[in-house]
Amino acid sequence: MATRLEAGGYAHREMDPHDRRRVLIHASPTGVRHAFSLFDDLYAAAADMYTAYRERDLRMLMGLIRAYRTLITDHTAVLNAEATADSRETRVR
Protein backbone atom coordinates (compact mmCIF):
# COMPACT_ATOMS: atom_id res chain seq x y z
CA MET A 1 0.00 0.00 0.00
CA ALA A 2 2.77 2.43 0.93
CA THR A 3 4.51 1.69 -2.36
CA ARG A 4 1.35 2.54 -4.31
CA LEU A 5 0.82 5.79 -2.41
CA GLU A 6 4.42 6.77 -3.00
CA ALA A 7 4.31 5.80 -6.69
CA GLY A 8 1.16 7.88 -7.17
CA GLY A 9 2.79 10.90 -5.56
CA TYR A 10 0.35 10.89 -2.64
CA ALA A 11 2.88 10.17 0.11
CA HIS A 12 6.54 9.70 0.91
CA ARG A 13 8.39 7.49 3.34
CA GLU A 14 10.84 8.53 6.01
CA MET A 15 12.84 6.35 8.37
CA ASP A 16 11.97 7.00 12.00
CA PRO A 17 15.04 8.69 13.49
CA HIS A 18 14.35 7.07 16.88
CA ASP A 19 13.53 3.53 15.74
CA ARG A 20 15.26 2.21 12.63
CA ARG A 21 12.72 -0.63 12.34
CA ARG A 22 9.92 1.86 11.80
CA VAL A 23 9.02 3.74 8.63
CA LEU A 24 6.91 6.89 8.76
CA ILE A 25 4.58 7.71 5.88
CA HIS A 26 3.74 11.36 5.27
CA ALA A 27 1.06 12.68 2.95
CA SER A 28 2.35 14.87 0.14
CA PRO A 29 0.66 18.19 -0.70
CA THR A 30 -0.83 16.46 -3.75
CA GLY A 31 -2.13 13.63 -1.58
CA VAL A 32 -3.69 16.04 0.89
CA ARG A 33 -5.42 18.02 -1.87
CA HIS A 34 -6.73 14.85 -3.45
CA ALA A 35 -8.00 13.40 -0.15
CA PHE A 36 -9.84 16.57 0.79
CA SER A 37 -11.26 17.02 -2.71
CA LEU A 38 -13.04 13.68 -2.34
CA PHE A 39 -15.43 15.43 0.05
CA ASP A 40 -16.11 18.58 -2.01
CA ASP A 41 -19.45 17.30 -3.34
CA LEU A 42 -20.48 16.15 0.12
CA TYR A 43 -19.72 19.59 1.60
CA ALA A 44 -21.70 21.30 -1.15
CA ALA A 45 -24.67 18.96 -0.68
CA ALA A 46 -24.59 19.49 3.09
CA ALA A 47 -24.57 23.27 2.61
CA ASP A 48 -27.54 23.01 0.25
CA MET A 49 -29.40 20.81 2.71
CA TYR A 50 -28.69 23.26 5.54
CA THR A 51 -30.39 26.10 3.65
CA ALA A 52 -33.61 24.06 3.41
CA TYR A 53 -34.21 24.31 7.18
CA ARG A 54 -35.49 27.23 9.23
CA GLU A 55 -33.39 28.60 12.08
CA ARG A 56 -35.86 27.23 14.65
CA ASP A 57 -35.58 23.72 13.18
CA LEU A 58 -31.78 23.91 13.19
CA ARG A 59 -31.74 24.95 16.86
CA MET A 60 -34.01 22.02 17.72
CA LEU A 61 -31.83 19.62 15.73
CA MET A 62 -28.67 20.88 17.45
CA GLY A 63 -30.34 20.41 20.82
CA LEU A 64 -31.19 16.84 19.90
CA ILE A 65 -27.63 16.15 18.72
CA ARG A 66 -26.22 17.59 21.97
CA ALA A 67 -28.61 15.44 24.02
CA TYR A 68 -27.55 12.31 22.09
CA ARG A 69 -23.90 13.20 22.58
CA THR A 70 -24.42 13.50 26.33
CA LEU A 71 -26.35 10.22 26.37
CA ILE A 72 -23.59 8.41 24.48
CA THR A 73 -20.85 9.95 26.65
CA ASP A 74 -22.65 8.95 29.84
CA HIS A 75 -23.32 5.44 28.56
CA THR A 76 -19.69 5.03 27.52
CA ALA A 77 -18.58 6.07 31.00
CA VAL A 78 -20.85 3.41 32.53
CA LEU A 79 -19.49 0.74 30.18
CA ASN A 80 -15.89 1.77 30.96
CA ALA A 81 -16.59 1.68 34.71
CA GLU A 82 -18.13 -1.79 34.40
CA ALA A 83 -15.17 -3.03 32.35
CA THR A 84 -12.74 -1.64 34.93
CA ALA A 85 -14.68 -3.29 37.76
CA ASP A 86 -14.75 -6.61 35.89
CA SER A 87 -11.02 -6.36 35.27
CA ARG A 88 -10.35 -5.77 38.97
CA GLU A 89 -12.53 -8.75 39.94
CA THR A 90 -10.68 -11.00 37.51
CA ARG A 91 -7.30 -9.98 38.98
CA VAL A 92 -8.46 -10.55 42.56
CA ARG A 93 -9.65 -14.11 41.88
PDB file of N, CA and C in Angstrom:
ATOM      1  N   MET A   1       0.823  -1.183   0.000  1.00  0.00           N
ATOM      2  CA  MET A   1       0.000   0.000   0.000  1.00  0.00           C
ATOM      3  C   MET A   1       0.873   1.255   0.000  1.00  0.00           C
ATOM      4  N   ALA A   2       1.884   1.270   0.853  1.00  0.00           N
ATOM      5  CA  ALA A   2       2.766   2.434   0.926  1.00  0.00           C
ATOM      6  C   ALA A   2       3.468   2.658  -0.409  1.00  0.00           C
ATOM      7  N   THR A   3       3.843   1.580  -1.065  1.00  0.00           N
ATOM      8  CA  THR A   3       4.510   1.694  -2.362  1.00  0.00           C
ATOM      9  C   THR A   3       3.580   2.337  -3.388  1.00  0.00           C
ATOM     10  N   ARG A   4       2.315   1.947  -3.370  1.00  0.00           N
ATOM     11  CA  ARG A   4       1.346   2.541  -4.306  1.00  0.00           C
ATOM     12  C   ARG A   4       1.131   4.023  -4.021  1.00  0.00           C
ATOM     13  N   LEU A   5       1.005   4.373  -2.765  1.00  0.00           N
ATOM     14  CA  LEU A   5       0.820   5.787  -2.411  1.00  0.00           C
ATOM     15  C   LEU A   5       2.021   6.616  -2.848  1.00  0.00           C
ATOM     16  N   GLU A   6       3.187   6.072  -2.619  1.00  0.00           N
ATOM     17  CA  GLU A   6       4.415   6.770  -2.998  1.00  0.00           C
ATOM     18  C   GLU A   6       4.527   6.879  -4.519  1.00  0.00           C
ATOM     19  N   ALA A   7       4.229   5.799  -5.228  1.00  0.00           N
ATOM     20  CA  ALA A   7       4.310   5.800  -6.692  1.00  0.00           C
ATOM     21  C   ALA A   7       3.315   6.789  -7.304  1.00  0.00           C
ATOM     22  N   GLY A   8       2.170   6.946  -6.672  1.00  0.00           N
ATOM     23  CA  GLY A   8       1.163   7.885  -7.167  1.00  0.00           C
ATOM     24  C   GLY A   8       1.426   9.325  -6.783  1.00  0.00           C
ATOM     25  N   GLY A   9       2.471   9.547  -5.980  1.00  0.00           N
ATOM     26  CA  GLY A   9       2.794  10.900  -5.557  1.00  0.00           C
ATOM     27  C   GLY A   9       1.947  11.407  -4.400  1.00  0.00           C
ATOM     28  N   TYR A  10       1.234  10.492  -3.734  1.00  0.00           N
ATOM     29  CA  TYR A  10       0.352  10.891  -2.643  1.00  0.00           C
ATOM     30  C   TYR A  10       1.047  10.923  -1.285  1.00  0.00           C
ATOM     31  N   ALA A  11       2.189  10.260  -1.181  1.00  0.00           N
ATOM     32  CA  ALA A  11       2.879  10.171   0.107  1.00  0.00           C
ATOM     33  C   ALA A  11       4.362   9.907  -0.121  1.00  0.00           C
ATOM     34  N   HIS A  12       5.128  10.080   0.955  1.00  0.00           N
ATOM     35  CA  HIS A  12       6.542   9.702   0.905  1.00  0.00           C
ATOM     36  C   HIS A  12       6.923   9.063   2.233  1.00  0.00           C
ATOM     37  N   ARG A  13       7.929   8.216   2.159  1.00  0.00           N
ATOM     38  CA  ARG A  13       8.393   7.487   3.342  1.00  0.00           C
ATOM     39  C   ARG A  13       9.580   8.205   3.966  1.00  0.00           C
ATOM     40  N   GLU A  14       9.690   7.988   5.266  1.00  0.00           N
ATOM     41  CA  GLU A  14      10.835   8.526   6.007  1.00  0.00           C
ATOM     42  C   GLU A  14      11.168   7.526   7.108  1.00  0.00           C
ATOM     43  N   MET A  15      12.430   7.240   7.281  1.00  0.00           N
ATOM     44  CA  MET A  15      12.837   6.355   8.369  1.00  0.00           C
ATOM     45  C   MET A  15      12.658   7.093   9.692  1.00  0.00           C
ATOM     46  N   ASP A  16      12.133   6.400  10.674  1.00  0.00           N
ATOM     47  CA  ASP A  16      11.972   6.996  12.003  1.00  0.00           C
ATOM     48  C   ASP A  16      13.362   7.208  12.592  1.00  0.00           C
ATOM     49  N   PRO A  17      13.700   8.439  12.959  1.00  0.00           N
ATOM     50  CA  PRO A  17      15.036   8.692  13.486  1.00  0.00           C
ATOM     51  C   PRO A  17      15.279   8.047  14.856  1.00  0.00           C
ATOM     52  N   HIS A  18      14.210   7.642  15.540  1.00  0.00           N
ATOM     53  CA  HIS A  18      14.351   7.068  16.880  1.00  0.00           C
ATOM     54  C   HIS A  18      14.222   5.547  16.902  1.00  0.00           C
ATOM     55  N   ASP A  19      13.730   4.979  15.806  1.00  0.00           N
ATOM     56  CA  ASP A  19      13.534   3.534  15.744  1.00  0.00           C
ATOM     57  C   ASP A  19      13.753   3.086  14.301  1.00  0.00           C
ATOM     58  N   ARG A  20      14.900   2.531  14.016  1.00  0.00           N
ATOM     59  CA  ARG A  20      15.259   2.206  12.631  1.00  0.00           C
ATOM     60  C   ARG A  20      14.402   1.100  12.029  1.00  0.00           C
ATOM     61  N   ARG A  21      13.625   0.394  12.854  1.00  0.00           N
ATOM     62  CA  ARG A  21      12.722  -0.632  12.337  1.00  0.00           C
ATOM     63  C   ARG A  21      11.423  -0.033  11.799  1.00  0.00           C
ATOM     64  N   ARG A  22      11.197   1.212  12.114  1.00  0.00           N
ATOM     65  CA  ARG A  22       9.920   1.855  11.803  1.00  0.00           C
ATOM     66  C   ARG A  22      10.064   2.820  10.634  1.00  0.00           C
ATOM     67  N   VAL A  23       9.060   2.813   9.768  1.00  0.00           N
ATOM     68  CA  VAL A  23       9.018   3.740   8.632  1.00  0.00           C
ATOM     69  C   VAL A  23       7.800   4.639   8.811  1.00  0.00           C
ATOM     70  N   LEU A  24       8.007   5.924   8.671  1.00  0.00           N
ATOM     71  CA  LEU A  24       6.909   6.889   8.764  1.00  0.00           C
ATOM     72  C   LEU A  24       6.439   7.226   7.360  1.00  0.00           C
ATOM     73  N   ILE A  25       5.144   7.345   7.185  1.00  0.00           N
ATOM     74  CA  ILE A  25       4.582   7.713   5.882  1.00  0.00           C
ATOM     75  C   ILE A  25       3.890   9.052   6.044  1.00  0.00           C
ATOM     76  N   HIS A  26       4.291  10.015   5.221  1.00  0.00           N
ATOM     77  CA  HIS A  26       3.735  11.365   5.275  1.00  0.00           C
ATOM     78  C   HIS A  26       2.980  11.663   3.985  1.00  0.00           C
ATOM     79  N   ALA A  27       1.820  12.283   4.127  1.00  0.00           N
ATOM     80  CA  ALA A  27       1.056  12.682   2.947  1.00  0.00           C
ATOM     81  C   ALA A  27       1.782  13.818   2.244  1.00  0.00           C
ATOM     82  N   SER A  28       1.769  13.783   0.932  1.00  0.00           N
ATOM     83  CA  SER A  28       2.348  14.868   0.142  1.00  0.00           C
ATOM     84  C   SER A  28       1.283  15.945  -0.044  1.00  0.00           C
ATOM     85  N   PRO A  29       1.662  17.155  -0.420  1.00  0.00           N
ATOM     86  CA  PRO A  29       0.658  18.187  -0.695  1.00  0.00           C
ATOM     87  C   PRO A  29      -0.367  17.720  -1.730  1.00  0.00           C
ATOM     88  N   THR A  30       0.089  17.000  -2.746  1.00  0.00           N
ATOM     89  CA  THR A  30      -0.835  16.460  -3.753  1.00  0.00           C
ATOM     90  C   THR A  30      -1.802  15.475  -3.112  1.00  0.00           C
ATOM     91  N   GLY A  31      -1.290  14.610  -2.262  1.00  0.00           N
ATOM     92  CA  GLY A  31      -2.128  13.626  -1.583  1.00  0.00           C
ATOM     93  C   GLY A  31      -3.165  14.284  -0.691  1.00  0.00           C
ATOM     94  N   VAL A  32      -2.757  15.317   0.012  1.00  0.00           N
ATOM     95  CA  VAL A  32      -3.690  16.035   0.889  1.00  0.00           C
ATOM     96  C   VAL A  32      -4.792  16.689   0.067  1.00  0.00           C
ATOM     97  N   ARG A  33      -4.412  17.371  -1.007  1.00  0.00           N
ATOM     98  CA  ARG A  33      -5.421  18.024  -1.866  1.00  0.00           C
ATOM     99  C   ARG A  33      -6.398  17.002  -2.428  1.00  0.00           C
ATOM    100  N   HIS A  34      -5.875  15.879  -2.884  1.00  0.00           N
ATOM    101  CA  HIS A  34      -6.734  14.851  -3.450  1.00  0.00           C
ATOM    102  C   HIS A  34      -7.686  14.281  -2.393  1.00  0.00           C
ATOM    103  N   ALA A  35      -7.164  13.980  -1.216  1.00  0.00           N
ATOM    104  CA  ALA A  35      -7.999  13.399  -0.155  1.00  0.00           C
ATOM    105  C   ALA A  35      -9.126  14.351   0.234  1.00  0.00           C
ATOM    106  N   PHE A  36      -8.802  15.618   0.407  1.00  0.00           N
ATOM    107  CA  PHE A  36      -9.843  16.572   0.791  1.00  0.00           C
ATOM    108  C   PHE A  36     -10.820  16.837  -0.347  1.00  0.00           C
ATOM    109  N   SER A  37     -10.361  16.767  -1.576  1.00  0.00           N
ATOM    110  CA  SER A  37     -11.257  17.025  -2.711  1.00  0.00           C
ATOM    111  C   SER A  37     -12.317  15.932  -2.852  1.00  0.00           C
ATOM    112  N   LEU A  38     -12.057  14.754  -2.286  1.00  0.00           N
ATOM    113  CA  LEU A  38     -13.041  13.676  -2.340  1.00  0.00           C
ATOM    114  C   LEU A  38     -14.345  14.065  -1.640  1.00  0.00           C
ATOM    115  N   PHE A  39     -14.267  15.036  -0.733  1.00  0.00           N
ATOM    116  CA  PHE A  39     -15.434  15.430   0.048  1.00  0.00           C
ATOM    117  C   PHE A  39     -16.074  16.720  -0.445  1.00  0.00           C
ATOM    118  N   ASP A  40     -15.561  17.313  -1.521  1.00  0.00           N
ATOM    119  CA  ASP A  40     -16.109  18.581  -2.013  1.00  0.00           C
ATOM    120  C   ASP A  40     -17.604  18.491  -2.315  1.00  0.00           C
ATOM    121  N   ASP A  41     -18.030  17.448  -3.012  1.00  0.00           N
ATOM    122  CA  ASP A  41     -19.448  17.297  -3.340  1.00  0.00           C
ATOM    123  C   ASP A  41     -20.295  17.098  -2.089  1.00  0.00           C
ATOM    124  N   LEU A  42     -19.757  16.369  -1.125  1.00  0.00           N
ATOM    125  CA  LEU A  42     -20.482  16.148   0.124  1.00  0.00           C
ATOM    126  C   LEU A  42     -20.671  17.475   0.866  1.00  0.00           C
ATOM    127  N   TYR A  43     -19.617  18.288   0.927  1.00  0.00           N
ATOM    128  CA  TYR A  43     -19.720  19.592   1.599  1.00  0.00           C
ATOM    129  C   TYR A  43     -20.758  20.471   0.908  1.00  0.00           C
ATOM    130  N   ALA A  44     -20.743  20.484  -0.399  1.00  0.00           N
ATOM    131  CA  ALA A  44     -21.704  21.305  -1.149  1.00  0.00           C
ATOM    132  C   ALA A  44     -23.132  20.817  -0.906  1.00  0.00           C
ATOM    133  N   ALA A  45     -23.342  19.512  -0.917  1.00  0.00           N
ATOM    134  CA  ALA A  45     -24.673  18.960  -0.677  1.00  0.00           C
ATOM    135  C   ALA A  45     -25.142  19.263   0.744  1.00  0.00           C
ATOM    136  N   ALA A  46     -24.233  19.184   1.711  1.00  0.00           N
ATOM    137  CA  ALA A  46     -24.593  19.493   3.094  1.00  0.00           C
ATOM    138  C   ALA A  46     -24.974  20.967   3.237  1.00  0.00           C
ATOM    139  N   ALA A  47     -24.242  21.841   2.563  1.00  0.00           N
ATOM    140  CA  ALA A  47     -24.568  23.266   2.614  1.00  0.00           C
ATOM    141  C   ALA A  47     -25.929  23.534   1.990  1.00  0.00           C
ATOM    142  N   ASP A  48     -26.231  22.871   0.885  1.00  0.00           N
ATOM    143  CA  ASP A  48     -27.544  23.013   0.255  1.00  0.00           C
ATOM    144  C   ASP A  48     -28.649  22.506   1.177  1.00  0.00           C
ATOM    145  N   MET A  49     -28.408  21.380   1.807  1.00  0.00           N
ATOM    146  CA  MET A  49     -29.397  20.809   2.706  1.00  0.00           C
ATOM    147  C   MET A  49     -29.656  21.748   3.891  1.00  0.00           C
ATOM    148  N   TYR A  50     -28.596  22.345   4.402  1.00  0.00           N
ATOM    149  CA  TYR A  50     -28.693  23.264   5.538  1.00  0.00           C
ATOM    150  C   TYR A  50     -29.630  24.434   5.221  1.00  0.00           C
ATOM    151  N   THR A  51     -29.561  24.939   4.015  1.00  0.00           N
ATOM    152  CA  THR A  51     -30.385  26.100   3.651  1.00  0.00           C
ATOM    153  C   THR A  51     -31.869  25.755   3.556  1.00  0.00           C
ATOM    154  N   ALA A  52     -32.211  24.465   3.515  1.00  0.00           N
ATOM    155  CA  ALA A  52     -33.610  24.059   3.411  1.00  0.00           C
ATOM    156  C   ALA A  52     -34.340  24.116   4.755  1.00  0.00           C
ATOM    157  N   TYR A  53     -33.601  24.328   5.858  1.00  0.00           N
ATOM    158  CA  TYR A  53     -34.210  24.314   7.178  1.00  0.00           C
ATOM    159  C   TYR A  53     -34.289  25.720   7.760  1.00  0.00           C
ATOM    160  N   ARG A  54     -35.341  25.943   8.548  1.00  0.00           N
ATOM    161  CA  ARG A  54     -35.494  27.228   9.233  1.00  0.00           C
ATOM    162  C   ARG A  54     -34.587  27.240  10.456  1.00  0.00           C
ATOM    163  N   GLU A  55     -34.269  28.422  10.917  1.00  0.00           N
ATOM    164  CA  GLU A  55     -33.393  28.596  12.083  1.00  0.00           C
ATOM    165  C   GLU A  55     -33.943  27.842  13.298  1.00  0.00           C
ATOM    166  N   ARG A  56     -35.247  27.916  13.512  1.00  0.00           N
ATOM    167  CA  ARG A  56     -35.865  27.229  14.654  1.00  0.00           C
ATOM    168  C   ARG A  56     -35.635  25.719  14.568  1.00  0.00           C
ATOM    169  N   ASP A  57     -35.781  25.160  13.372  1.00  0.00           N
ATOM    170  CA  ASP A  57     -35.577  23.724  13.180  1.00  0.00           C
ATOM    171  C   ASP A  57     -34.115  23.339  13.428  1.00  0.00           C
ATOM    172  N   LEU A  58     -33.207  24.186  12.988  1.00  0.00           N
ATOM    173  CA  LEU A  58     -31.782  23.909  13.189  1.00  0.00           C
ATOM    174  C   LEU A  58     -31.425  23.940  14.672  1.00  0.00           C
ATOM    175  N   ARG A  59     -31.994  24.900  15.411  1.00  0.00           N
ATOM    176  CA  ARG A  59     -31.738  24.947  16.858  1.00  0.00           C
ATOM    177  C   ARG A  59     -32.258  23.685  17.541  1.00  0.00           C
ATOM    178  N   MET A  60     -33.446  23.228  17.138  1.00  0.00           N
ATOM    179  CA  MET A  60     -34.013  22.016  17.718  1.00  0.00           C
ATOM    180  C   MET A  60     -33.131  20.804  17.384  1.00  0.00           C
ATOM    181  N   LEU A  61     -32.690  20.722  16.144  1.00  0.00           N
ATOM    182  CA  LEU A  61     -31.829  19.620  15.733  1.00  0.00           C
ATOM    183  C   LEU A  61     -30.515  19.628  16.511  1.00  0.00           C
ATOM    184  N   MET A  62     -29.919  20.785  16.688  1.00  0.00           N
ATOM    185  CA  MET A  62     -28.668  20.879  17.447  1.00  0.00           C
ATOM    186  C   MET A  62     -28.888  20.471  18.901  1.00  0.00           C
ATOM    187  N   GLY A  63     -30.026  20.837  19.462  1.00  0.00           N
ATOM    188  CA  GLY A  63     -30.343  20.411  20.824  1.00  0.00           C
ATOM    189  C   GLY A  63     -30.441  18.899  20.921  1.00  0.00           C
ATOM    190  N   LEU A  64     -31.073  18.291  19.925  1.00  0.00           N
ATOM    191  CA  LEU A  64     -31.190  16.838  19.897  1.00  0.00           C
ATOM    192  C   LEU A  64     -29.817  16.174  19.770  1.00  0.00           C
ATOM    193  N   ILE A  65     -28.984  16.704  18.905  1.00  0.00           N
ATOM    194  CA  ILE A  65     -27.632  16.148  18.722  1.00  0.00           C
ATOM    195  C   ILE A  65     -26.833  16.271  20.012  1.00  0.00           C
ATOM    196  N   ARG A  66     -26.933  17.419  20.687  1.00  0.00           N
ATOM    197  CA  ARG A  66     -26.220  17.590  21.972  1.00  0.00           C
ATOM    198  C   ARG A  66     -26.723  16.595  23.011  1.00  0.00           C
ATOM    199  N   ALA A  67     -28.039  16.389  23.061  1.00  0.00           N
ATOM    200  CA  ALA A  67     -28.606  15.440  24.018  1.00  0.00           C
ATOM    201  C   ALA A  67     -28.118  14.016  23.728  1.00  0.00           C
ATOM    202  N   TYR A  68     -28.074  13.629  22.456  1.00  0.00           N
ATOM    203  CA  TYR A  68     -27.553  12.310  22.089  1.00  0.00           C
ATOM    204  C   TYR A  68     -26.080  12.183  22.449  1.00  0.00           C
ATOM    205  N   ARG A  69     -25.335  13.246  22.242  1.00  0.00           N
ATOM    206  CA  ARG A  69     -23.904  13.202  22.576  1.00  0.00           C
ATOM    207  C   ARG A  69     -23.719  12.985  24.073  1.00  0.00           C
ATOM    208  N   THR A  70     -24.496  13.689  24.881  1.00  0.00           N
ATOM    209  CA  THR A  70     -24.421  13.505  26.331  1.00  0.00           C
ATOM    210  C   THR A  70     -24.819  12.083  26.709  1.00  0.00           C
ATOM    211  N   LEU A  71     -25.894  11.578  26.108  1.00  0.00           N
ATOM    212  CA  LEU A  71     -26.353  10.223  26.372  1.00  0.00           C
ATOM    213  C   LEU A  71     -25.269   9.199  26.047  1.00  0.00           C
ATOM    214  N   ILE A  72     -24.646   9.343  24.899  1.00  0.00           N
ATOM    215  CA  ILE A  72     -23.594   8.410  24.477  1.00  0.00           C
ATOM    216  C   ILE A  72     -22.372   8.519  25.394  1.00  0.00           C
ATOM    217  N   THR A  73     -21.990   9.745  25.748  1.00  0.00           N
ATOM    218  CA  THR A  73     -20.846   9.952  26.647  1.00  0.00           C
ATOM    219  C   THR A  73     -21.114   9.311  28.001  1.00  0.00           C
ATOM    220  N   ASP A  74     -22.302   9.536  28.544  1.00  0.00           N
ATOM    221  CA  ASP A  74     -22.646   8.948  29.843  1.00  0.00           C
ATOM    222  C   ASP A  74     -22.684   7.426  29.774  1.00  0.00           C
ATOM    223  N   HIS A  75     -23.252   6.898  28.716  1.00  0.00           N
ATOM    224  CA  HIS A  75     -23.322   5.437  28.564  1.00  0.00           C
ATOM    225  C   HIS A  75     -21.919   4.839  28.408  1.00  0.00           C
ATOM    226  N   THR A  76     -21.069   5.497  27.681  1.00  0.00           N
ATOM    227  CA  THR A  76     -19.687   5.034  27.523  1.00  0.00           C
ATOM    228  C   THR A  76     -18.969   5.017  28.862  1.00  0.00           C
ATOM    229  N   ALA A  77     -19.197   6.027  29.680  1.00  0.00           N
ATOM    230  CA  ALA A  77     -18.578   6.072  31.005  1.00  0.00           C
ATOM    231  C   ALA A  77     -19.044   4.893  31.863  1.00  0.00           C
ATOM    232  N   VAL A  78     -20.326   4.560  31.787  1.00  0.00           N
ATOM    233  CA  VAL A  78     -20.848   3.411  32.533  1.00  0.00           C
ATOM    234  C   VAL A  78     -20.191   2.120  32.045  1.00  0.00           C
ATOM    235  N   LEU A  79     -20.118   1.939  30.721  1.00  0.00           N
ATOM    236  CA  LEU A  79     -19.488   0.738  30.182  1.00  0.00           C
ATOM    237  C   LEU A  79     -18.026   0.639  30.595  1.00  0.00           C
ATOM    238  N   ASN A  80     -17.303   1.769  30.553  1.00  0.00           N
ATOM    239  CA  ASN A  80     -15.894   1.766  30.961  1.00  0.00           C
ATOM    240  C   ASN A  80     -15.753   1.429  32.443  1.00  0.00           C
ATOM    241  N   ALA A  81     -16.643   1.969  33.274  1.00  0.00           N
ATOM    242  CA  ALA A  81     -16.590   1.676  34.712  1.00  0.00           C
ATOM    243  C   ALA A  81     -16.862   0.195  34.958  1.00  0.00           C
ATOM    244  N   GLU A  82     -17.830  -0.367  34.256  1.00  0.00           N
ATOM    245  CA  GLU A  82     -18.132  -1.795  34.400  1.00  0.00           C
ATOM    246  C   GLU A  82     -16.954  -2.650  33.952  1.00  0.00           C
ATOM    247  N   ALA A  83     -16.329  -2.270  32.848  1.00  0.00           N
ATOM    248  CA  ALA A  83     -15.170  -3.034  32.353  1.00  0.00           C
ATOM    249  C   ALA A  83     -14.019  -2.970  33.345  1.00  0.00           C
ATOM    250  N   THR A  84     -13.810  -1.797  33.936  1.00  0.00           N
ATOM    251  CA  THR A  84     -12.742  -1.644  34.927  1.00  0.00           C
ATOM    252  C   THR A  84     -13.038  -2.488  36.157  1.00  0.00           C
ATOM    253  N   ALA A  85     -14.295  -2.481  36.605  1.00  0.00           N
ATOM    254  CA  ALA A  85     -14.683  -3.289  37.759  1.00  0.00           C
ATOM    255  C   ALA A  85     -14.510  -4.778  37.465  1.00  0.00           C
ATOM    256  N   ASP A  86     -14.925  -5.205  36.274  1.00  0.00           N
ATOM    257  CA  ASP A  86     -14.751  -6.611  35.886  1.00  0.00           C
ATOM    258  C   ASP A  86     -13.283  -7.002  35.851  1.00  0.00           C
ATOM    259  N   SER A  87     -12.455  -6.094  35.365  1.00  0.00           N
ATOM    260  CA  SER A  87     -11.020  -6.356  35.270  1.00  0.00           C
ATOM    261  C   SER A  87     -10.420  -6.518  36.669  1.00  0.00           C
ATOM    262  N   ARG A  88     -10.855  -5.662  37.586  1.00  0.00           N
ATOM    263  CA  ARG A  88     -10.353  -5.766  38.971  1.00  0.00           C
ATOM    264  C   ARG A  88     -10.778  -7.086  39.604  1.00  0.00           C
ATOM    265  N   GLU A  89     -12.040  -7.490  39.373  1.00  0.00           N
ATOM    266  CA  GLU A  89     -12.534  -8.749  39.940  1.00  0.00           C
ATOM    267  C   GLU A  89     -11.747  -9.928  39.400  1.00  0.00           C
ATOM    268  N   THR A  90     -11.429  -9.905  38.131  1.00  0.00           N
ATOM    269  CA  THR A  90     -10.678 -10.995  37.512  1.00  0.00           C
ATOM    270  C   THR A  90      -9.288 -11.100  38.128  1.00  0.00           C
ATOM    271  N   ARG A  91      -8.649  -9.964  38.395  1.00  0.00           N
ATOM    272  CA  ARG A  91      -7.297  -9.984  38.976  1.00  0.00           C
ATOM    273  C   ARG A  91      -7.316 -10.456  40.406  1.00  0.00           C
ATOM    274  N   VAL A  92      -8.383 -10.163  41.155  1.00  0.00           N
ATOM    275  CA  VAL A  92      -8.460 -10.549  42.562  1.00  0.00           C
ATOM    276  C   VAL A  92      -8.652 -12.040  42.703  1.00  0.00           C
ATOM    277  N   ARG A  93      -9.359 -12.663  41.800  1.00  0.00           N
ATOM    278  CA  ARG A  93      -9.645 -14.109  41.883  1.00  0.00           C
ATOM    279  C   ARG A  93      -8.433 -14.886  41.697  1.00  0.00           C
TER     280      ARG A  93
END
